[in-house]
C-alpha atoms as a PDB file:
ATOM      1  CA  MET A   1     155.269  66.160  95.504  1.00  0.00           C
ATOM      2  CA  SER A   2     153.016  63.498  94.017  1.00  0.00           C
ATOM      3  CA  GLU A   3     150.275  64.493  96.481  1.00  0.00           C
ATOM      4  CA  TYR A   4     150.423  68.060  95.156  1.00  0.00           C
ATOM      5  CA  ILE A   5     150.173  66.952  91.519  1.00  0.00           C
ATOM      6  CA  TYR A   6     147.317  64.604  92.393  1.00  0.00           C
ATOM      7  CA  SER A   7     145.411  67.417  94.097  1.00  0.00           C
ATOM      8  CA  LEU A   8     145.802  69.677  91.044  1.00  0.00           C
ATOM      9  CA  GLU A   9     144.571  67.004  88.646  1.00  0.00           C
ATOM     10  CA  PHE A  10     141.392  66.349  90.587  1.00  0.00           C
ATOM     11  CA  ASP A  11     140.674  69.754  92.031  1.00  0.00           C
ATOM     12  CA  ASP A  12     137.250  70.916  90.823  1.00  0.00           C
ATOM     13  CA  ASN A  13     137.991  74.521  91.750  1.00  0.00           C
ATOM     14  CA  TYR A  14     141.051  74.756  89.500  1.00  0.00           C
ATOM     15  CA  LYS A  15     140.514  77.188  86.611  1.00  0.00           C
ATOM     16  CA  LEU A  16     142.563  77.715  83.495  1.00  0.00           C
ATOM     17  CA  GLU A  17     144.189  81.066  82.965  1.00  0.00           C
ATOM     18  CA  ASP A  18     141.757  83.791  82.056  1.00  0.00           C
ATOM     19  CA  PRO A  19     141.977  84.414  78.282  1.00  0.00           C
ATOM     20  CA  ILE A  20     141.712  88.166  78.853  1.00  0.00           C
ATOM     21  CA  ASN A  21     145.113  88.051  80.561  1.00  0.00           C
ATOM     22  CA  LYS A  22     146.724  86.825  77.332  1.00  0.00           C
ATOM     23  CA  ILE A  23     145.121  89.657  75.388  1.00  0.00           C
ATOM     24  CA  VAL A  24     146.284  92.220  77.938  1.00  0.00           C
ATOM     25  CA  TYR A  25     149.791  90.740  77.693  1.00  0.00           C
ATOM     26  CA  GLU A  26     149.704  91.346  73.928  1.00  0.00           C
ATOM     27  CA  ILE A  27     148.503  94.912  74.484  1.00  0.00           C
ATOM     28  CA  ALA A  28     151.293  95.537  76.994  1.00  0.00           C
ATOM     29  CA  ASN A  29     153.832  94.225  74.489  1.00  0.00           C
ATOM     30  CA  PHE A  30     152.500  96.544  71.779  1.00  0.00           C
ATOM     31  CA  ILE A  31     152.879  99.496  74.106  1.00  0.00           C
ATOM     32  CA  LYS A  32     156.108  98.689  75.952  1.00  0.00           C
ATOM     33  CA  ASN A  33     158.144  96.898  73.271  1.00  0.00           C
ATOM     34  CA  GLU A  34     156.852  98.295  69.978  1.00  0.00           C
ATOM     35  CA  HIS A  35     155.596 101.691  71.246  1.00  0.00           C
ATOM     36  CA  ASN A  36     152.580 101.131  69.007  1.00  0.00           C
ATOM     37  CA  PHE A  37     149.471 102.495  70.686  1.00  0.00           C
ATOM     38  CA  ASP A  38     147.410 102.071  67.506  1.00  0.00           C
ATOM     39  CA  LYS A  39     147.870  98.273  67.558  1.00  0.00           C
ATOM     40  CA  ALA A  40     147.006  98.298  71.250  1.00  0.00           C
ATOM     41  CA  PHE A  41     143.851 100.297  70.531  1.00  0.00           C
ATOM     42  CA  GLU A  42     142.799  97.934  67.733  1.00  0.00           C
ATOM     43  CA  THR A  43     143.312  94.912  69.995  1.00  0.00           C
ATOM     44  CA  ILE A  44     141.218  96.541  72.725  1.00  0.00           C
ATOM     45  CA  LYS A  45     138.497  97.402  70.216  1.00  0.00           C
ATOM     46  CA  ILE A  46     138.417  93.952  68.557  1.00  0.00           C
ATOM     47  CA  ASN A  47     138.175  92.164  71.904  1.00  0.00           C
ATOM     48  CA  SER A  48     135.657  94.636  73.384  1.00  0.00           C
ATOM     49  CA  LEU A  49     137.790  95.360  76.432  1.00  0.00           C
ATOM     50  CA  SER A  50     137.379  98.347  78.673  1.00  0.00           C
ATOM     51  CA  PHE A  51     140.159 100.645  79.817  1.00  0.00           C
ATOM     52  CA  GLU A  52     139.729  99.211  83.302  1.00  0.00           C
ATOM     53  CA  ASP A  53     140.139  95.637  82.017  1.00  0.00           C
ATOM     54  CA  VAL A  54     143.512  96.508  80.541  1.00  0.00           C
ATOM     55  CA  ILE A  55     144.890  98.666  83.345  1.00  0.00           C
ATOM     56  CA  SER A  56     143.758  96.435  86.212  1.00  0.00           C
ATOM     57  CA  ARG A  57     145.436  93.359  84.723  1.00  0.00           C
ATOM     58  CA  SER A  58     148.844  94.863  84.007  1.00  0.00           C
ATOM     59  CA  VAL A  59     151.437  96.489  86.207  1.00  0.00           C
ATOM     60  CA  ARG A  60     153.820  97.203  83.330  1.00  0.00           C
ATOM     61  CA  PHE A  61     152.360 100.579  82.411  1.00  0.00           C
ATOM     62  CA  ASP A  62     153.831 103.777  83.745  1.00  0.00           C
ATOM     63  CA  LYS A  63     151.956 107.041  84.108  1.00  0.00           C
ATOM     64  CA  ASP A  64     152.780 108.233  80.588  1.00  0.00           C
ATOM     65  CA  ASP A  65     151.606 104.971  79.014  1.00  0.00           C
ATOM     66  CA  VAL A  66     148.318 105.080  80.902  1.00  0.00           C
ATOM     67  CA  THR A  67     147.749 108.713  79.953  1.00  0.00           C
ATOM     68  CA  THR A  68     148.527 108.141  76.272  1.00  0.00           C
ATOM     69  CA  LEU A  69     146.304 105.063  76.091  1.00  0.00           C
ATOM     70  CA  ALA A  70     143.444 106.868  77.853  1.00  0.00           C
ATOM     71  CA  ASP A  71     143.731 109.850  75.489  1.00  0.00           C
ATOM     72  CA  LEU A  72     143.696 107.532  72.478  1.00  0.00           C
ATOM     73  CA  LEU A  73     140.663 105.612  73.730  1.00  0.00           C
ATOM     74  CA  ILE A  74     138.766 108.824  74.453  1.00  0.00           C
ATOM     75  CA  ALA A  75     139.621 110.309  71.062  1.00  0.00           C
ATOM     76  CA  LYS A  76     138.740 107.229  68.990  1.00  0.00           C
ATOM     77  CA  MET A  77     135.714 105.862  70.855  1.00  0.00           C
END
């Protein structure tokens, strides 16, 4: 176990979590938990994310969520 921890501490290829993933997690929570597509849209707009950025990083969206979000983005952009 100590060998594994040592290799993580000194591994030059190790990268921190992509900050976009945290933003997409927030967007998914707005949609799935709060059913608030307007907050999700504002978060996407503020962070200059594309539809593809959001959809490709989350598997929590069903077909209806994807369709509603796409319609909202098309209508407001």
